[in-house]
Protein backbone atom coordinates (compact mmCIF):
# COMPACT_ATOMS: atom_id res chain seq x y z
CA UNK A 1 -17.83 -17.43 -0.12
CA UNK A 2 -17.70 -14.52 -1.56
CA UNK A 3 -19.39 -11.09 -0.25
CA UNK A 4 -21.12 -7.90 -2.10
CA UNK A 5 -20.28 -4.49 -0.18
CA UNK A 6 -23.53 -2.39 0.20
CA UNK A 7 -21.85 0.65 0.40
CA UNK A 8 -23.73 3.91 -0.18
CA UNK A 9 -23.67 6.92 -1.73
CA UNK A 10 -22.76 8.71 0.87
CA UNK A 11 -20.11 6.59 1.61
CA UNK A 12 -19.35 7.51 -1.69
CA UNK A 13 -18.91 10.81 -0.70
CA UNK A 14 -17.49 10.96 2.55
CA UNK A 15 -14.37 8.24 0.68
CA UNK A 16 -13.83 10.80 -1.78
CA UNK A 17 -13.34 14.03 0.47
CA UNK A 18 -11.48 12.24 2.67
CA UNK A 19 -8.99 10.80 0.11
CA UNK A 20 -8.78 7.47 1.95
CA UNK A 21 -8.51 9.25 5.08
CA UNK A 22 -5.05 9.75 5.11
CA UNK A 23 -3.33 12.73 6.44
CA UNK A 24 -1.23 13.72 3.32
CA UNK A 25 -2.53 16.81 3.56
CA UNK A 26 -0.01 18.93 2.80
CA UNK A 27 -0.14 22.28 3.56
CA UNK A 28 2.76 25.53 4.21
CA UNK A 29 4.87 26.10 7.14
CA UNK A 30 2.72 26.42 10.34
CA UNK A 31 3.34 30.13 10.49
CA UNK A 32 1.15 30.32 6.82
CA UNK A 33 2.39 31.84 3.57
CA UNK A 34 2.59 35.19 3.15
CA UNK A 35 -0.07 36.23 0.63
CA UNK A 36 1.12 37.08 -2.77
CA UNK A 37 3.71 34.37 -1.86
CA UNK A 38 2.99 32.41 -4.93
CA UNK A 39 -0.43 32.50 -7.91
CA UNK A 40 -2.60 29.73 -8.44
CA UNK A 41 -3.92 29.41 -12.05
CA UNK A 42 -6.78 26.90 -13.17
CA UNK A 43 -5.46 24.53 -16.58
CA UNK A 44 -6.38 22.14 -18.75
CA UNK A 45 -4.50 20.04 -21.06
CA UNK A 46 -5.83 18.26 -23.61
CA UNK A 47 -3.83 14.84 -23.96
CA UNK A 48 -3.83 10.97 -25.93
CA UNK A 49 -3.97 8.19 -23.69
CA UNK A 50 -4.72 4.80 -23.84
CA UNK A 51 -6.24 5.61 -27.39
CA UNK A 52 -8.35 8.24 -25.94
CA UNK A 53 -8.48 11.79 -25.92
CA UNK A 54 -8.66 12.97 -22.52
CA UNK A 55 -9.15 16.53 -20.32
CA UNK A 56 -6.56 16.98 -17.22
CA UNK A 57 -7.90 19.84 -14.96
CA UNK A 58 -4.75 21.45 -12.58
CA UNK A 59 -3.74 24.47 -11.25
CA UNK A 60 -0.55 26.01 -10.89
CA UNK A 61 1.03 27.19 -8.27
CA UNK A 62 4.49 30.15 -9.51
CA UNK A 63 5.97 31.09 -6.31
CA UNK A 64 6.70 35.03 -6.06
CA UNK A 65 9.55 36.36 -7.85
CA UNK A 66 9.68 32.90 -10.14
CA UNK A 67 10.00 34.30 -13.77
CA UNK A 68 12.20 33.16 -16.55
CA UNK A 69 15.35 34.77 -15.57
CA UNK A 70 14.71 32.90 -12.15
CA UNK A 71 13.67 29.86 -12.54
CA UNK A 72 12.70 27.23 -9.93
CA UNK A 73 12.16 23.35 -9.58
CA UNK A 74 8.96 21.88 -10.11
CA UNK A 75 6.82 19.09 -8.02
CA UNK A 76 4.54 17.59 -10.29
CA UNK A 77 1.58 15.52 -7.85
CA UNK A 78 -1.80 14.27 -8.53
CA UNK A 79 -4.77 12.92 -5.72
CA UNK A 80 -5.35 9.42 -3.86
CA UNK A 81 -8.08 7.58 -5.49
CA UNK A 82 -11.39 8.97 -5.19
CA UNK A 83 -9.67 12.22 -4.66
CA UNK A 84 -9.00 15.37 -6.95
CA UNK A 85 -7.04 18.41 -7.75
CA UNK A 86 -9.14 20.43 -5.03
CA UNK A 87 -9.17 18.19 -1.70
CA UNK A 88 -7.36 18.99 0.81
CA UNK A 89 -4.58 15.92 1.10
CA UNK A 90 -4.16 17.45 -2.78
CA UNK A 91 -3.84 20.99 -3.65
CA UNK A 92 -2.06 21.11 -0.47
CA UNK A 93 0.84 19.55 -2.14
CA UNK A 94 0.63 22.66 -4.37
CA UNK A 95 0.92 24.97 -1.27
CA UNK A 96 3.07 23.72 0.47
CA UNK A 97 5.90 23.60 -2.05
CA UNK A 98 5.21 26.53 -3.74
CA UNK A 99 5.69 28.25 -0.02
CA UNK A 100 8.74 26.65 -0.06
CA UNK A 101 10.02 28.02 -3.62
CA UNK A 102 8.70 25.37 -6.05
CA UNK A 103 6.61 25.57 -8.69
CA UNK A 104 3.58 23.27 -7.96
CA UNK A 105 1.35 21.62 -10.99
CA UNK A 106 -1.05 19.56 -9.35
CA UNK A 107 -4.23 17.70 -11.55
CA UNK A 108 -6.80 15.87 -11.17
CA UNK A 109 -5.91 12.47 -12.20
CA UNK A 110 -7.70 10.35 -15.21
CA UNK A 111 -11.14 9.65 -14.54
CA UNK A 112 -11.14 11.86 -11.38
CA UNK A 113 -12.51 15.06 -10.31
CA UNK A 114 -12.95 17.03 -13.70
CA UNK A 115 -10.33 15.32 -15.21
CA UNK A 116 -11.71 13.24 -18.62
CA UNK A 117 -11.07 9.54 -19.20
CA UNK A 118 -11.81 6.22 -17.53
CA UNK A 119 -10.16 4.80 -14.05
CA UNK A 120 -7.10 3.00 -15.32
CA UNK A 121 -4.96 2.02 -11.95
CA UNK A 122 -2.36 4.12 -12.69
CA UNK A 123 -1.09 2.26 -15.78
CA UNK A 124 2.26 3.29 -17.15
CA UNK A 125 0.32 3.00 -20.89
CA UNK A 126 -2.36 5.90 -20.12
CA UNK A 127 -1.75 7.48 -16.38
CA UNK A 128 1.88 7.19 -17.29
CA UNK A 129 1.61 8.84 -20.29
CA UNK A 130 -1.06 11.79 -19.28
CA UNK A 131 1.66 12.63 -16.31
CA UNK A 132 4.49 12.51 -19.52
CA UNK A 133 2.50 15.24 -21.01
CA UNK A 134 2.38 17.56 -18.09
CA UNK A 135 5.97 17.13 -17.81
CA UNK A 136 6.43 18.21 -21.42
CA UNK A 137 4.65 21.55 -20.35
CA UNK A 138 6.97 21.93 -17.37
CA UNK A 139 9.59 21.37 -20.21
CA UNK A 140 8.84 24.08 -22.36
CA UNK A 141 7.14 21.49 -25.24
CA UNK A 142 3.95 22.60 -24.74
CA UNK A 143 0.86 24.85 -23.56
CA UNK A 144 -2.12 24.38 -21.73
CA UNK A 145 -5.19 24.60 -23.86
CA UNK A 146 -5.16 28.26 -22.75
CA UNK A 147 -2.10 29.03 -24.22
CA UNK A 148 -0.31 29.10 -20.87
CA UNK A 149 3.27 27.87 -21.17
CA UNK A 150 5.70 27.49 -18.60
CA UNK A 151 8.96 29.23 -19.09
CA UNK A 152 9.91 29.80 -15.34
CA UNK A 153 10.91 26.08 -14.78
CA UNK A 154 14.91 25.32 -14.28
CA UNK A 155 15.84 23.16 -16.80
CA UNK A 156 18.36 20.43 -17.49
CA UNK A 157 18.40 20.18 -21.05
CA UNK A 158 16.03 21.80 -24.11
CA UNK A 159 12.43 20.64 -22.75
CA UNK A 160 13.67 18.61 -19.77
CA UNK A 161 13.05 20.29 -16.39
CA UNK A 162 14.25 19.67 -13.20
CA UNK A 163 11.17 17.56 -11.57
CA UNK A 164 9.86 15.91 -8.68
CA UNK A 165 6.90 14.03 -7.84
CA UNK A 166 5.15 13.41 -4.49
CA UNK A 167 1.57 11.59 -3.24
CA UNK A 168 0.01 9.10 -1.53
CA UNK A 169 -1.73 5.63 -2.47
CA UNK A 170 -3.09 6.63 -5.96
CA UNK A 171 -0.71 9.55 -6.17
CA UNK A 172 2.02 7.47 -4.93
CA UNK A 173 1.85 4.34 -7.97
CA UNK A 174 1.47 6.92 -11.05
CA UNK A 175 4.81 8.55 -10.09
CA UNK A 176 6.53 4.93 -11.00
CA UNK A 177 4.51 4.54 -13.32
CA UNK A 178 5.45 7.47 -15.21
CA UNK A 179 8.93 7.37 -14.40
CA UNK A 180 8.64 4.57 -16.65
CA UNK A 181 7.54 5.81 -19.30
CA UNK A 182 9.45 9.01 -19.15
CA UNK A 183 13.20 9.29 -17.83
CA UNK A 184 13.44 13.28 -17.18
CA UNK A 185 11.30 12.45 -13.67
CA UNK A 186 14.24 13.43 -10.59
CA UNK A 187 12.84 12.96 -7.66
CA UNK A 188 10.09 10.57 -6.33
CA UNK A 189 8.33 10.38 -3.01
CA UNK A 190 5.46 7.85 -3.47
CA UNK A 191 4.06 7.12 0.11
CA UNK A 192 1.58 4.30 1.14
CA UNK A 193 1.31 2.41 -1.82
CA UNK A 194 1.30 -0.62 -4.16
CA UNK A 195 4.03 -2.73 -5.57
CA UNK A 196 1.82 -5.47 -7.12
CA UNK A 197 -2.09 -5.00 -7.01
CA UNK A 198 -2.89 -9.07 -7.24
CA UNK A 199 -0.96 -9.28 -3.60
CA UNK A 200 -2.94 -6.34 -2.71
CA UNK A 201 -6.17 -7.01 -3.49
CA UNK A 202 -6.08 -11.03 -3.73
CA UNK A 203 -3.05 -11.64 -1.54
CA UNK A 204 -1.37 -15.10 -1.23
CA UNK A 205 1.45 -15.07 1.35
CA UNK A 206 2.91 -18.92 -0.01
CA UNK A 207 3.04 -18.43 -3.32
CA UNK A 208 2.02 -15.70 -5.60
CA UNK A 209 1.54 -17.68 -8.95
CA UNK A 210 -1.31 -19.76 -6.89
CA UNK A 211 -4.71 -17.14 -6.67
CA UNK A 212 -4.96 -14.92 -3.55
CA UNK A 213 -7.60 -14.62 -0.73
CA UNK A 214 -9.58 -12.05 -1.85
CA UNK A 215 -9.83 -8.89 0.08
CA UNK A 216 -13.24 -8.33 -0.13
CA UNK A 217 -13.95 -5.20 1.56
CA UNK A 218 -11.17 -2.42 0.43
CA UNK A 219 -11.74 -4.20 -3.01
CA UNK A 220 -15.12 -3.32 -3.48
CA UNK A 221 -15.06 -0.67 -1.91
CA UNK A 222 -12.77 1.18 -4.31
CA UNK A 223 -15.05 -0.60 -7.19
CA UNK A 224 -18.13 1.40 -6.11
CA UNK A 225 -16.20 4.34 -5.09
CA UNK A 226 -14.68 4.86 -8.70
CA UNK A 227 -18.14 3.95 -10.85
CA UNK A 228 -19.52 6.48 -8.27
CA UNK A 229 -17.35 9.53 -9.72
CA UNK A 230 -19.84 10.00 -12.57
CA UNK A 231 -22.45 10.78 -9.75
CA UNK A 232 -19.71 12.43 -7.60
CA UNK A 233 -18.95 15.13 -10.07
CA UNK A 234 -21.86 15.14 -13.06
CA UNK A 235 -20.15 15.52 -16.63
CA UNK A 236 -21.20 15.22 -20.57
CA UNK A 237 -17.59 14.23 -21.14
CA UNK A 238 -17.96 10.88 -23.24
CA UNK A 239 -14.44 10.23 -22.52
CA UNK A 240 -15.38 9.10 -18.92
CA UNK A 241 -18.21 6.86 -20.01
CA UNK A 242 -16.92 2.71 -20.98
CA UNK A 243 -20.35 1.38 -21.00
CA UNK A 244 -23.40 0.04 -18.34
CA UNK A 245 -21.70 -3.47 -17.68
CA UNK A 246 -18.26 -1.48 -16.68
CA UNK A 247 -19.31 2.51 -15.86
CA UNK A 248 -16.23 4.12 -15.84
CA UNK A 249 -13.26 2.09 -15.23
CA UNK A 250 -11.00 0.09 -18.39
CA UNK A 251 -12.66 -3.30 -18.68
CA UNK A 252 -10.58 -5.15 -17.55
CA UNK A 253 -10.70 -3.43 -13.99
CA UNK A 254 -14.34 -4.71 -13.86
CA UNK A 255 -13.84 -7.82 -14.98
CA UNK A 256 -11.08 -8.62 -12.54
CA UNK A 257 -13.59 -7.63 -9.91
CA UNK A 258 -16.22 -9.14 -11.00
CA UNK A 259 -14.06 -12.42 -11.36
CA UNK A 260 -12.42 -12.29 -7.50
CA UNK A 261 -16.54 -11.78 -6.40
CA UNK A 262 -17.44 -15.00 -8.15
CA UNK A 263 -15.25 -17.05 -6.19
CA UNK A 264 -14.37 -19.29 -8.76
CA UNK A 265 -10.61 -18.88 -10.31
CA UNK A 266 -10.44 -21.12 -12.91
CA UNK A 267 -6.80 -21.52 -14.76
CA UNK A 268 -7.12 -19.40 -17.46
CA UNK A 269 -9.37 -16.71 -16.14
CA UNK A 270 -6.90 -16.19 -13.26
CA UNK A 271 -4.35 -15.95 -15.20
CA UNK A 272 -5.43 -13.14 -17.39
CA UNK A 273 -6.50 -11.36 -13.71
CA UNK A 274 -2.98 -11.87 -12.50
CA UNK A 275 -1.72 -10.54 -15.59
CA UNK A 276 -4.19 -7.61 -15.70
CA UNK A 277 -3.33 -6.77 -12.17
CA UNK A 278 0.39 -6.63 -12.59
CA UNK A 279 0.57 -5.00 -15.87
CA UNK A 280 -0.64 -2.19 -13.85
CA UNK A 281 1.13 -2.22 -10.73
CA UNK A 282 5.27 -1.39 -10.28
CA UNK A 283 6.49 -5.04 -10.18
CA UNK A 284 6.22 -5.22 -13.67
CA UNK A 285 8.01 -2.11 -14.88
CA UNK A 286 10.38 -0.85 -11.83
CA UNK A 287 12.99 -2.22 -13.97
CA UNK A 288 12.51 0.67 -16.09
CA UNK A 289 12.57 3.13 -13.03
CA UNK A 290 15.66 5.38 -12.97
CA UNK A 291 14.89 8.29 -10.90
CA UNK A 292 15.73 8.67 -7.65
CA UNK A 293 13.28 7.48 -5.07
CA UNK A 294 12.22 7.87 -1.37
CA UNK A 295 9.87 4.77 -0.93
CA UNK A 296 7.39 5.49 2.53
CA UNK A 297 5.03 3.27 3.67
CA UNK A 298 2.44 3.01 6.86
CA UNK A 299 2.75 0.02 9.63
CA UNK A 300 -0.92 0.44 9.86
CA UNK A 301 -2.22 -0.82 6.48
CA UNK A 302 -4.30 -4.21 5.88
CA UNK A 303 -4.19 -2.31 2.08
CA UNK A 304 -0.98 -1.59 0.77
CA UNK A 305 1.45 -3.27 3.68
CA UNK A 306 5.04 -2.64 4.37
CA UNK A 307 6.19 -5.57 2.53
CA UNK A 308 5.01 -3.70 -0.85
CA UNK A 309 7.36 -1.21 0.02
CA UNK A 310 10.19 -3.17 0.91
CA UNK A 311 9.38 -5.11 -2.34
CA UNK A 312 10.05 -1.75 -4.32
CA UNK A 313 12.54 -0.40 -2.58
CA UNK A 314 14.54 -3.91 -2.90
CA UNK A 315 13.91 -3.79 -6.46
CA UNK A 316 15.12 -0.67 -6.99
CA UNK A 317 18.09 -1.61 -4.97
CA UNK A 318 19.28 -3.97 -6.44
CA UNK A 319 19.30 -1.90 -10.08
CA UNK A 320 21.72 0.62 -8.68
CA UNK A 321 19.07 2.98 -8.18
CA UNK A 322 19.37 5.55 -5.42
CA UNK A 323 16.38 4.22 -2.95
CA UNK A 324 15.63 4.86 0.75
CA UNK A 325 13.16 3.44 2.16
CA UNK A 326 11.33 4.84 5.69
CA UNK A 327 8.06 3.16 7.49
CA UNK A 328 6.35 5.70 9.24
CA UNK A 329 3.32 5.43 11.76
CA UNK A 330 -0.16 5.79 9.55
CA UNK A 331 -0.95 4.13 6.26
CA UNK A 332 -4.86 3.44 5.01
CA UNK A 333 -5.55 1.79 8.33
CA UNK A 334 -5.29 4.83 10.28
CA UNK A 335 -2.36 5.00 12.83
CA UNK A 336 -1.46 8.86 12.55
CA UNK A 337 0.96 9.16 15.59
CA UNK A 338 2.18 12.43 17.25
CA UNK A 339 4.59 14.33 15.51
CA UNK A 340 4.51 12.00 12.58
CA UNK A 341 3.74 13.93 9.09
CA UNK A 342 0.87 15.32 8.72
CA UNK A 343 1.32 18.89 6.79
CA UNK A 344 -2.18 19.92 7.66
CA UNK A 345 -0.62 20.87 11.27
CA UNK A 346 2.09 22.55 8.90
CA UNK A 347 5.17 19.80 10.40
CA UNK A 348 7.25 19.64 6.96
CA UNK A 349 9.93 21.09 8.96
CA UNK A 350 9.62 19.37 12.02
CA UNK A 351 7.87 15.82 11.59
CA UNK A 352 10.91 13.18 10.49
CA UNK A 353 9.67 12.19 7.68
CA UNK A 354 9.00 15.86 6.62
CA UNK A 355 12.15 16.40 6.87
CA UNK A 356 13.56 13.62 5.07
CA UNK A 357 10.73 14.35 2.10
CA UNK A 358 12.28 18.18 1.91
CA UNK A 359 16.15 16.47 2.28
CA UNK A 360 15.60 14.59 -0.80
CA UNK A 361 14.03 17.53 -2.83
CA UNK A 362 16.96 19.51 -2.14
CA UNK A 363 19.44 17.12 -2.91
CA UNK A 364 17.96 16.28 -6.50
CA UNK A 365 16.17 19.31 -7.34
CA UNK A 366 18.05 22.03 -6.19
CA UNK A 367 20.98 19.77 -6.61
CA UNK A 368 22.43 20.81 -3.35
CA UNK A 369 25.02 18.10 -2.90
CA UNK A 370 25.59 18.63 0.82
CA UNK A 371 22.19 17.70 1.88
CA UNK A 372 22.30 14.06 3.81
CA UNK A 373 19.45 12.38 2.73
CA UNK A 374 19.49 10.68 6.21
CA UNK A 375 19.32 6.69 6.68
CA UNK A 376 19.22 4.12 4.32
CA UNK A 377 16.25 2.38 5.98
CA UNK A 378 14.47 4.14 8.95
CA UNK A 379 11.60 3.21 11.00
CA UNK A 380 8.97 4.55 13.43
CA UNK A 381 8.81 3.13 17.02
CA UNK A 382 5.84 3.55 18.94
CA UNK A 383 7.43 1.94 22.33
CA UNK A 384 9.84 5.41 22.19
CA UNK A 385 10.28 8.54 20.42
CA UNK A 386 12.28 8.73 17.42
CA UNK A 387 12.76 6.81 14.33
CA UNK A 388 14.90 3.48 14.65
CA UNK A 389 17.47 3.28 11.62
CA UNK A 390 19.61 0.72 9.52
CA UNK A 391 21.78 0.04 6.85
CA UNK A 392 19.31 -2.53 5.81
CA UNK A 393 16.13 -4.24 6.17
CA UNK A 394 16.77 -6.58 9.00
CA UNK A 395 16.92 -10.46 7.87
CA UNK A 396 15.12 -13.23 10.09
CA UNK A 397 17.39 -13.64 13.46
CA UNK A 398 15.05 -16.40 15.33
CA UNK A 399 13.38 -19.51 15.24
CA UNK A 400 11.08 -20.61 17.39
CA UNK A 401 8.93 -23.78 16.70
CA UNK A 402 5.16 -25.04 16.93
CA UNK A 403 4.89 -28.05 19.76
CA UNK A 404 2.27 -30.11 19.66
CA UNK A 405 1.16 -28.76 22.84
CA UNK A 406 0.51 -25.54 21.79
CA UNK A 407 4.06 -23.89 23.19
CA UNK A 408 5.87 -21.86 20.92
CA UNK A 409 9.41 -23.16 21.51
CA UNK A 410 13.25 -21.55 21.19
CA UNK A 411 14.98 -25.19 20.49
CA UNK A 412 13.45 -28.10 18.71
CA UNK A 413 14.58 -30.70 21.73
CA UNK A 414 11.53 -29.21 23.74
CA UNK A 415 8.79 -29.96 21.06
CA UNK A 416 6.62 -32.36 22.38
CA UNK A 417 4.81 -34.87 20.16
CA UNK A 418 1.14 -34.40 19.09
CA UNK A 419 -1.63 -33.11 16.93
CA UNK A 420 -4.32 -30.75 17.01
CA UNK A 421 -7.41 -30.18 14.60
CA UNK A 422 -9.85 -26.94 13.66
CA UNK A 423 -12.29 -26.94 11.21
CA UNK A 424 -13.90 -23.61 9.02
CA UNK A 425 -17.72 -23.00 9.46
CA UNK A 426 -19.20 -21.67 6.44
CA UNK A 427 -19.23 -18.15 7.89
CA UNK A 428 -16.54 -16.65 9.03
CA UNK A 429 -15.15 -17.20 13.02
CA UNK A 430 -12.17 -14.63 12.54
CA UNK A 431 -11.93 -10.75 12.61
CA UNK A 432 -8.94 -9.03 12.03
CA UNK A 433 -10.65 -5.22 11.04
CA UNK A 434 -13.45 -3.90 9.53
CA UNK A 435 -11.53 -2.36 6.70
CA UNK A 436 -13.40 0.59 5.81
CA UNK A 437 -14.72 1.47 9.45
CA UNK A 438 -11.72 4.20 9.98
CA UNK A 439 -12.38 5.76 6.74
CA UNK A 440 -16.09 6.25 7.25
CA UNK A 441 -15.84 6.35 10.78
CA UNK A 442 -17.40 3.28 12.16
CA UNK A 443 -15.96 2.20 15.47
CA UNK A 444 -14.53 -1.34 14.46
CA UNK A 445 -14.61 -4.40 17.27
CA UNK A 446 -11.58 -5.96 18.66
CA UNK A 447 -9.94 -9.21 16.73
CA UNK A 448 -11.07 -12.42 18.15
CA UNK A 449 -11.21 -15.94 16.75
CA UNK A 450 -13.79 -18.59 17.58
CA UNK A 451 -12.55 -21.46 19.75
CA UNK A 452 -12.34 -24.56 17.63
CA UNK A 453 -12.18 -22.44 14.11
CA UNK A 454 -8.34 -21.43 14.83
CA UNK A 455 -4.40 -22.81 16.72
CA UNK A 456 -2.25 -20.81 18.68
CA UNK A 457 1.51 -21.43 19.84
CA UNK A 458 2.55 -19.42 22.23
CA UNK A 459 5.87 -18.44 24.09
CA UNK A 460 6.98 -18.31 27.54
CA UNK A 461 6.43 -14.99 29.22
CA UNK A 462 9.49 -13.09 28.03
CA UNK A 463 12.04 -11.95 30.46
CA UNK A 464 13.17 -9.02 28.98
CA UNK A 465 12.16 -6.71 26.30
CA UNK A 466 12.18 -8.12 22.37
CA UNK A 467 11.90 -5.64 19.00
CA UNK A 468 10.42 -7.09 15.76
CA UNK A 469 11.28 -5.29 12.65
CA UNK A 470 10.33 -6.61 9.53
CA UNK A 471 8.49 -9.67 7.90
CA UNK A 472 8.05 -12.82 9.79
CA UNK A 473 8.12 -16.13 8.06
CA UNK A 474 6.19 -19.16 8.94
CA UNK A 475 7.39 -22.52 7.12
CA UNK A 476 4.12 -25.07 7.63
CA UNK A 477 2.68 -28.73 6.96
CA UNK A 478 -0.91 -29.49 7.21
CA UNK A 479 -2.64 -32.05 6.90
CA UNK A 480 -6.80 -32.09 5.16
CA UNK A 481 -7.96 -34.86 3.34
CA UNK A 482 -10.99 -33.25 1.91
CA UNK A 483 -8.96 -30.50 0.52
CA UNK A 484 -6.27 -33.18 -0.85
CA UNK A 485 -9.20 -34.86 -2.63
CA UNK A 486 -10.39 -31.55 -4.00
CA UNK A 487 -7.33 -29.09 -4.88
CA UNK A 488 -6.52 -30.90 -8.41
CA UNK A 489 -9.86 -29.73 -9.99
CA UNK A 490 -8.60 -26.75 -11.83
CA UNK A 491 -10.58 -24.32 -9.86
CA UNK A 492 -8.27 -22.47 -7.33
CA UNK A 493 -11.32 -22.06 -4.66
CA UNK A 494 -11.21 -25.42 -4.04
CA UNK A 495 -7.58 -24.86 -2.48
CA UNK A 496 -7.25 -24.92 0.94
CA UNK A 497 -7.11 -20.97 2.59
CA UNK A 498 -5.91 -20.49 6.07
CA UNK A 499 -5.04 -17.18 7.93
CA UNK A 500 -1.48 -16.81 9.94
CA UNK A 501 -0.99 -13.63 12.15
CA UNK A 502 1.11 -12.53 15.75
CA UNK A 503 -0.77 -11.08 18.54
CA UNK A 504 0.88 -9.69 21.55
CA UNK A 505 -0.49 -11.48 24.61
CA UNK A 506 -0.08 -9.07 27.99
CA UNK A 507 0.37 -10.95 31.34
CA UNK A 508 -3.39 -10.58 32.45
CA UNK A 509 -4.38 -12.27 28.76
CA UNK A 510 -5.20 -9.61 26.73
CA UNK A 511 -4.41 -10.25 22.85
CA UNK A 512 -3.64 -7.29 20.73
CA UNK A 513 -2.95 -8.81 17.20
CA UNK A 514 0.14 -6.25 16.06
CA UNK A 515 -1.45 -4.06 13.22
CA UNK A 516 -4.32 -5.85 12.98
CA UNK A 517 -2.31 -7.60 10.15
CA UNK A 518 -2.98 -10.96 8.87
CA UNK A 519 -1.21 -13.32 6.43
CA UNK A 520 -3.48 -15.04 3.76
CA UNK A 521 -2.82 -18.39 2.22
CA UNK A 522 -4.59 -20.16 -0.44
CA UNK A 523 -2.58 -23.32 0.51
CA UNK A 524 -0.79 -24.65 -3.38
CA UNK A 525 -0.33 -28.19 -2.51
CA UNK A 526 -1.51 -29.36 1.10
CA UNK A 527 0.53 -32.27 0.68
CA UNK A 528 3.49 -30.38 0.83
CA UNK A 529 5.09 -27.95 3.39
CA UNK A 530 4.81 -24.82 2.48
CA UNK A 531 6.36 -20.92 3.35
CA UNK A 532 4.57 -18.11 4.58
CA UNK A 533 5.36 -14.23 4.79
CA UNK A 534 3.53 -12.75 6.91
CA UNK A 535 3.07 -8.45 6.88
CA UNK A 536 5.96 -6.56 7.69
CA UNK A 537 5.70 -5.34 11.78
CA UNK A 538 7.45 -2.67 13.97
CA UNK A 539 6.69 -4.07 17.29
CA UNK A 540 7.82 -4.44 20.93
CA UNK A 541 7.10 -7.14 22.87
CA UNK A 542 7.51 -6.06 26.55
CA UNK A 543 8.73 -7.85 29.87
CA UNK A 544 6.33 -10.63 30.53
CA UNK A 545 4.52 -10.63 27.66
CA UNK A 546 3.89 -13.63 25.18
CA UNK A 547 4.37 -14.19 21.39
CA UNK A 548 1.21 -16.02 19.65
CA UNK A 549 1.30 -17.10 16.45
CA UNK A 550 -2.23 -18.18 14.97
CA UNK A 551 -3.42 -20.31 11.87
CA UNK A 552 -6.83 -19.46 11.35
CA UNK A 553 -10.14 -20.62 8.92
CA UNK A 554 -10.96 -17.56 8.05
CA UNK A 555 -11.50 -13.57 8.25
CA UNK A 556 -14.67 -11.77 7.60
CA UNK A 557 -11.89 -8.78 5.29
CA UNK A 558 -11.72 -11.61 3.10
CA UNK A 559 -13.04 -14.56 1.33
CA UNK A 560 -12.94 -17.76 2.53
CA UNK A 561 -12.85 -21.53 1.91
CA UNK A 562 -15.70 -23.19 -0.48
CA UNK A 563 -17.20 -26.01 1.87
CA UNK A 564 -15.77 -27.48 5.63
CA UNK A 565 -12.29 -28.64 5.11
CA UNK A 566 -10.69 -29.80 8.76
CA UNK A 567 -7.31 -29.05 8.65
CA UNK A 568 -4.66 -31.34 11.92
CA UNK A 569 -1.37 -29.55 12.41
CA UNK A 570 0.97 -32.55 13.78
CA UNK A 571 4.68 -31.36 15.36
CA UNK A 572 7.59 -34.09 16.29
CA UNK A 573 11.21 -32.74 17.78
CA UNK A 574 12.37 -33.55 13.96
CA UNK A 575 9.21 -32.82 11.87
CA UNK A 576 7.11 -29.57 12.76
CA UNK A 577 6.66 -26.44 12.10
CA UNK A 578 8.92 -23.16 12.75
CA UNK A 579 8.23 -19.04 13.01
CA UNK A 580 11.11 -17.17 12.03
CA UNK A 581 11.37 -13.97 13.12
CA UNK A 582 13.21 -10.53 12.43
CA UNK A 583 14.36 -9.52 15.95
CA UNK A 584 16.66 -6.44 16.60
CA UNK A 585 16.75 -6.46 20.18
CA UNK A 586 16.13 -9.32 22.56
CA UNK A 587 15.23 -12.86 22.37
CA UNK A 588 11.84 -14.76 22.18
CA UNK A 589 12.50 -18.24 24.80
């Protein structure tokens, strides 16, 4: 069951202007930069990237007093998907850091704004190489098209400028892509970005080798936004046009979206899709990244969830790269909280994340070795002020068992024998979110599940608060004879699809889907147990509340099952499903 997303040109314009609605609108200090504190010079660069000659449109921010005799380190940044150097969440980066004494070079990513070439999804061989050419400019090895040279950037060697990068979403992944092809980068701050685009757009929380469940709202929204760029920013530049079948993306990107929308996932085609999506993702090239990296991800983000940041963080740490991670409140799904990073309001110095960013650049760009760059891991807590910190992401620490009577119990001996069944309909019967609602200013109904199309297991009321920080994990076994008969067809669409999630149930019965997040699963083989990694959360269950674990047949933000596939879940003390939680305070029991 696949669905196309009917978005209008009005949506495209809104999306481009809002740059994903994330509040990464970096501005100067709250008091405002003094007039003349920096100059802004528009520049263009002609670069070779991916076999095409591309024009890159950029602005150079030069602080007052910075010259060849008094150089300064540089900050390089580009836009989120659909944006440009001129939107509020991009040009403010240049203003913010120029006001603080850094040279800024802010550019429109390839295929966006007035930059040429196709949208290639932050491919290191294309977008990374284009950004590397801008590093050449900052290092004095090349001039802009008008002959301008940057002889006022601090150098660590001939042609080796001291430069960091910062940006969100599409402007986050490009940092890692650039660092994978250019080791001159000295510091990275990627915010709310992806690790594995195959997981982002068609996640399978049980097995990444099996095609996942199409996140049709997000994927089609971005696809239309990208294909609409020639309409939003008309240009005669032939490098911006691919073909009538695939107007503005590289061909593999269009083919991937078409395959996902088709609802047919035959093995060979699926392997090609997964290979492409991962080739433009950090998961495929992090082994080549050596720049110190401060990973920042948002709790409220169904596009790029916390698991993506954790995967990047842990992979870099395992290789010995200096890496720290922050889970802030906001992401692509909203979630802005008072006091959080929102530099349009001038809070770089006063927000926790802003202070950490400044410290990261002070340490690695200004080389102030006395600067404390903060905790290894920090996370925003909505239930109290200040960030929680830890030496590492909390481990799974409590097991709960799925009882046959619908209870979630803390001991196998409490598991009641029994079985329960749900079945899907031919239309979605569960709602987690309207993925683009916040982006275009539309209301979003509260999450719900239709009776008979899901199963839930609920704990006893808590006797004290319980804090969960990290990714819950569930080990499940289901029975679905209809699926068993067709799951070996060679088309992954015939496999069983289900959605796992955790609710917070208040004493009055009101249910809250934690951060509106779900774990889509395409079960590899219904005759075998499978393990589901749920999206990371930071959540307090208050005294008197109950935790509910749910598996549902569908979700209207995703594609679903092909045909009706009834599912039975059985339980016995020695053989039942298990939910594991990363609990940092309290106990569910």
